[in-house]
Amino acid sequence: MDNLQQSLQRTIRALEALSEKNPPQVERVEELLDQLFQQKIDLANLNTNQAATPYQQAHQAMGLAASRCEKAAKDPGQIKEALPAVTDAIGKLTKLLNHVLT
């Protein structure tokens, strides 16, 4: 079964592949990658409840981001749909991390 960390890794891999194609938004892609790498580190150091609503929301958003980034890696014209999905997933993962830390 796919979990949040796996979806996060899929998103990172797809964004890296997209970055290598040097799209016009390459700087934005690299900024998002930096944020995702930091969140991956933060998530690895926490014990999260997979049944909690913030986890489920982050997992769903990251899965969508991974899917859209994988499509954009194959067709860079899809980047306009991918980047907002990644931004949304980062926001939901931030909420999860803040929820666990408080």
C-alpha atoms as a PDB file:
ATOM      1  CA  MET A   1       0.000   0.000   0.000  1.00  0.00           C
ATOM      2  CA  ASP A   2       1.200   3.443  -0.906  1.00  0.00           C
ATOM      3  CA  ASN A   3       1.923   5.729   2.025  1.00  0.00           C
ATOM      4  CA  LEU A   4       2.756   9.392   2.370  1.00  0.00           C
ATOM      5  CA  GLN A   5       6.508   8.851   2.263  1.00  0.00           C
ATOM      6  CA  GLN A   6       6.205   6.828  -0.946  1.00  0.00           C
ATOM      7  CA  SER A   7       4.019   9.495  -2.562  1.00  0.00           C
ATOM      8  CA  LEU A   8       6.496  12.140  -1.456  1.00  0.00           C
ATOM      9  CA  GLN A   9       9.356  10.181  -3.027  1.00  0.00           C
ATOM     10  CA  ARG A  10       7.385   9.726  -6.267  1.00  0.00           C
ATOM     11  CA  THR A  11       6.791  13.479  -6.407  1.00  0.00           C
ATOM     12  CA  ILE A  12      10.488  14.200  -5.840  1.00  0.00           C
ATOM     13  CA  ARG A  13      11.568  11.754  -8.557  1.00  0.00           C
ATOM     14  CA  ALA A  14       9.111  13.197 -11.068  1.00  0.00           C
ATOM     15  CA  LEU A  15      10.108  16.785 -10.281  1.00  0.00           C
ATOM     16  CA  GLU A  16      13.772  15.849 -10.681  1.00  0.00           C
ATOM     17  CA  ALA A  17      13.000  14.344 -14.090  1.00  0.00           C
ATOM     18  CA  LEU A  18      11.051  17.460 -15.024  1.00  0.00           C
ATOM     19  CA  SER A  19      13.876  19.709 -13.842  1.00  0.00           C
ATOM     20  CA  GLU A  20      16.302  17.900 -16.138  1.00  0.00           C
ATOM     21  CA  LYS A  21      14.145  18.953 -19.100  1.00  0.00           C
ATOM     22  CA  ASN A  22      14.893  22.569 -18.146  1.00  0.00           C
ATOM     23  CA  PRO A  23      11.348  23.933 -18.384  1.00  0.00           C
ATOM     24  CA  PRO A  24      10.735  27.687 -18.266  1.00  0.00           C
ATOM     25  CA  GLN A  25       9.727  27.308 -14.594  1.00  0.00           C
ATOM     26  CA  VAL A  26      12.937  25.426 -13.664  1.00  0.00           C
ATOM     27  CA  GLU A  27      13.675  27.803 -10.762  1.00  0.00           C
ATOM     28  CA  ARG A  28      10.211  27.181  -9.294  1.00  0.00           C
ATOM     29  CA  VAL A  29      10.660  23.423  -9.734  1.00  0.00           C
ATOM     30  CA  GLU A  30      13.963  23.575  -7.867  1.00  0.00           C
ATOM     31  CA  GLU A  31      12.403  25.637  -5.053  1.00  0.00           C
ATOM     32  CA  LEU A  32       9.665  23.037  -4.670  1.00  0.00           C
ATOM     33  CA  LEU A  33      12.249  20.251  -4.658  1.00  0.00           C
ATOM     34  CA  ASP A  34      14.137  21.980  -1.843  1.00  0.00           C
ATOM     35  CA  GLN A  35      10.938  22.211   0.208  1.00  0.00           C
ATOM     36  CA  LEU A  36      10.041  18.592  -0.475  1.00  0.00           C
ATOM     37  CA  PHE A  37      13.498  17.335   0.528  1.00  0.00           C
ATOM     38  CA  GLN A  38      13.235  19.224   3.815  1.00  0.00           C
ATOM     39  CA  GLN A  39       9.764  17.862   4.453  1.00  0.00           C
ATOM     40  CA  LYS A  40      10.975  14.341   3.667  1.00  0.00           C
ATOM     41  CA  ILE A  41      13.624  14.705   6.373  1.00  0.00           C
ATOM     42  CA  ASP A  42      11.113  16.152   8.838  1.00  0.00           C
ATOM     43  CA  LEU A  43       8.569  13.411   8.115  1.00  0.00           C
ATOM     44  CA  ALA A  44      11.143  10.632   8.517  1.00  0.00           C
ATOM     45  CA  ASN A  45      11.916  11.830  12.041  1.00  0.00           C
ATOM     46  CA  LEU A  46       8.298  11.743  13.208  1.00  0.00           C
ATOM     47  CA  ASN A  47       5.886   9.059  14.266  1.00  0.00           C
ATOM     48  CA  THR A  48       2.625   9.955  12.532  1.00  0.00           C
ATOM     49  CA  ASN A  49      -0.836   8.480  12.905  1.00  0.00           C
ATOM     50  CA  GLN A  50      -1.853   7.352   9.423  1.00  0.00           C
ATOM     51  CA  ALA A  51      -5.529   7.400  10.389  1.00  0.00           C
ATOM     52  CA  ALA A  52      -5.452  11.075  11.400  1.00  0.00           C
ATOM     53  CA  THR A  53      -7.241  13.522   9.125  1.00  0.00           C
ATOM     54  CA  PRO A  54      -4.157  15.732   8.506  1.00  0.00           C
ATOM     55  CA  TYR A  55      -2.186  12.639   7.438  1.00  0.00           C
ATOM     56  CA  GLN A  56      -4.939  11.492   5.080  1.00  0.00           C
ATOM     57  CA  GLN A  57      -5.233  14.975   3.545  1.00  0.00           C
ATOM     58  CA  ALA A  58      -1.469  15.230   3.058  1.00  0.00           C
ATOM     59  CA  HIS A  59      -1.302  11.722   1.613  1.00  0.00           C
ATOM     60  CA  GLN A  60      -4.122  12.380  -0.848  1.00  0.00           C
ATOM     61  CA  ALA A  61      -2.629  15.725  -1.938  1.00  0.00           C
ATOM     62  CA  MET A  62       0.859  14.240  -2.335  1.00  0.00           C
ATOM     63  CA  GLY A  63      -0.516  11.344  -4.383  1.00  0.00           C
ATOM     64  CA  LEU A  64      -2.211  13.817  -6.717  1.00  0.00           C
ATOM     65  CA  ALA A  65       0.977  15.895  -6.921  1.00  0.00           C
ATOM     66  CA  ALA A  66       3.016  12.776  -7.750  1.00  0.00           C
ATOM     67  CA  SER A  67       0.601  11.777 -10.501  1.00  0.00           C
ATOM     68  CA  ARG A  68       0.571  15.242 -12.064  1.00  0.00           C
ATOM     69  CA  CYS A  69       4.346  15.573 -11.848  1.00  0.00           C
ATOM     70  CA  GLU A  70       4.820  12.188 -13.488  1.00  0.00           C
ATOM     71  CA  LYS A  71       2.599  13.359 -16.358  1.00  0.00           C
ATOM     72  CA  ALA A  72       4.528  16.632 -16.600  1.00  0.00           C
ATOM     73  CA  ALA A  73       7.840  14.755 -16.671  1.00  0.00           C
ATOM     74  CA  LYS A  74       6.578  12.951 -19.778  1.00  0.00           C
ATOM     75  CA  ASP A  75       4.887  16.034 -21.252  1.00  0.00           C
ATOM     76  CA  PRO A  76       6.342  19.328 -19.948  1.00  0.00           C
ATOM     77  CA  GLY A  77       3.241  21.089 -21.247  1.00  0.00           C
ATOM     78  CA  GLN A  78       1.462  19.628 -18.210  1.00  0.00           C
ATOM     79  CA  ILE A  79       3.621  21.637 -15.798  1.00  0.00           C
ATOM     80  CA  LYS A  80       0.850  24.213 -15.277  1.00  0.00           C
ATOM     81  CA  GLU A  81      -1.267  21.525 -13.593  1.00  0.00           C
ATOM     82  CA  ALA A  82       1.625  19.944 -11.710  1.00  0.00           C
ATOM     83  CA  LEU A  83       3.143  22.887  -9.860  1.00  0.00           C
ATOM     84  CA  PRO A  84      -0.049  24.047  -8.101  1.00  0.00           C
ATOM     85  CA  ALA A  85      -0.683  20.445  -7.011  1.00  0.00           C
ATOM     86  CA  VAL A  86       2.803  20.279  -5.493  1.00  0.00           C
ATOM     87  CA  THR A  87       2.311  23.611  -3.748  1.00  0.00           C
ATOM     88  CA  ASP A  88      -0.986  22.353  -2.292  1.00  0.00           C
ATOM     89  CA  ALA A  89       0.638  19.092  -1.159  1.00  0.00           C
ATOM     90  CA  ILE A  90       3.477  20.988   0.518  1.00  0.00           C
ATOM     91  CA  GLY A  91       0.901  23.078   2.378  1.00  0.00           C
ATOM     92  CA  LYS A  92      -0.993  20.008   3.572  1.00  0.00           C
ATOM     93  CA  LEU A  93       2.220  18.275   4.617  1.00  0.00           C
ATOM     94  CA  THR A  94       3.238  21.406   6.522  1.00  0.00           C
ATOM     95  CA  LYS A  95      -0.102  21.274   8.372  1.00  0.00           C
ATOM     96  CA  LEU A  96       0.523  17.623   9.217  1.00  0.00           C
ATOM     97  CA  LEU A  97       4.026  18.331  10.481  1.00  0.00           C
ATOM     98  CA  ASN A  98       2.757  21.248  12.567  1.00  0.00           C
ATOM     99  CA  HIS A  99      -0.081  19.062  13.915  1.00  0.00           C
ATOM    100  CA  VAL A 100       2.343  16.328  14.992  1.00  0.00           C
ATOM    101  CA  LEU A 101       4.813  18.770  16.510  1.00  0.00           C
ATOM    102  CA  THR A 102       2.206  20.579  18.633  1.00  0.00           C
END
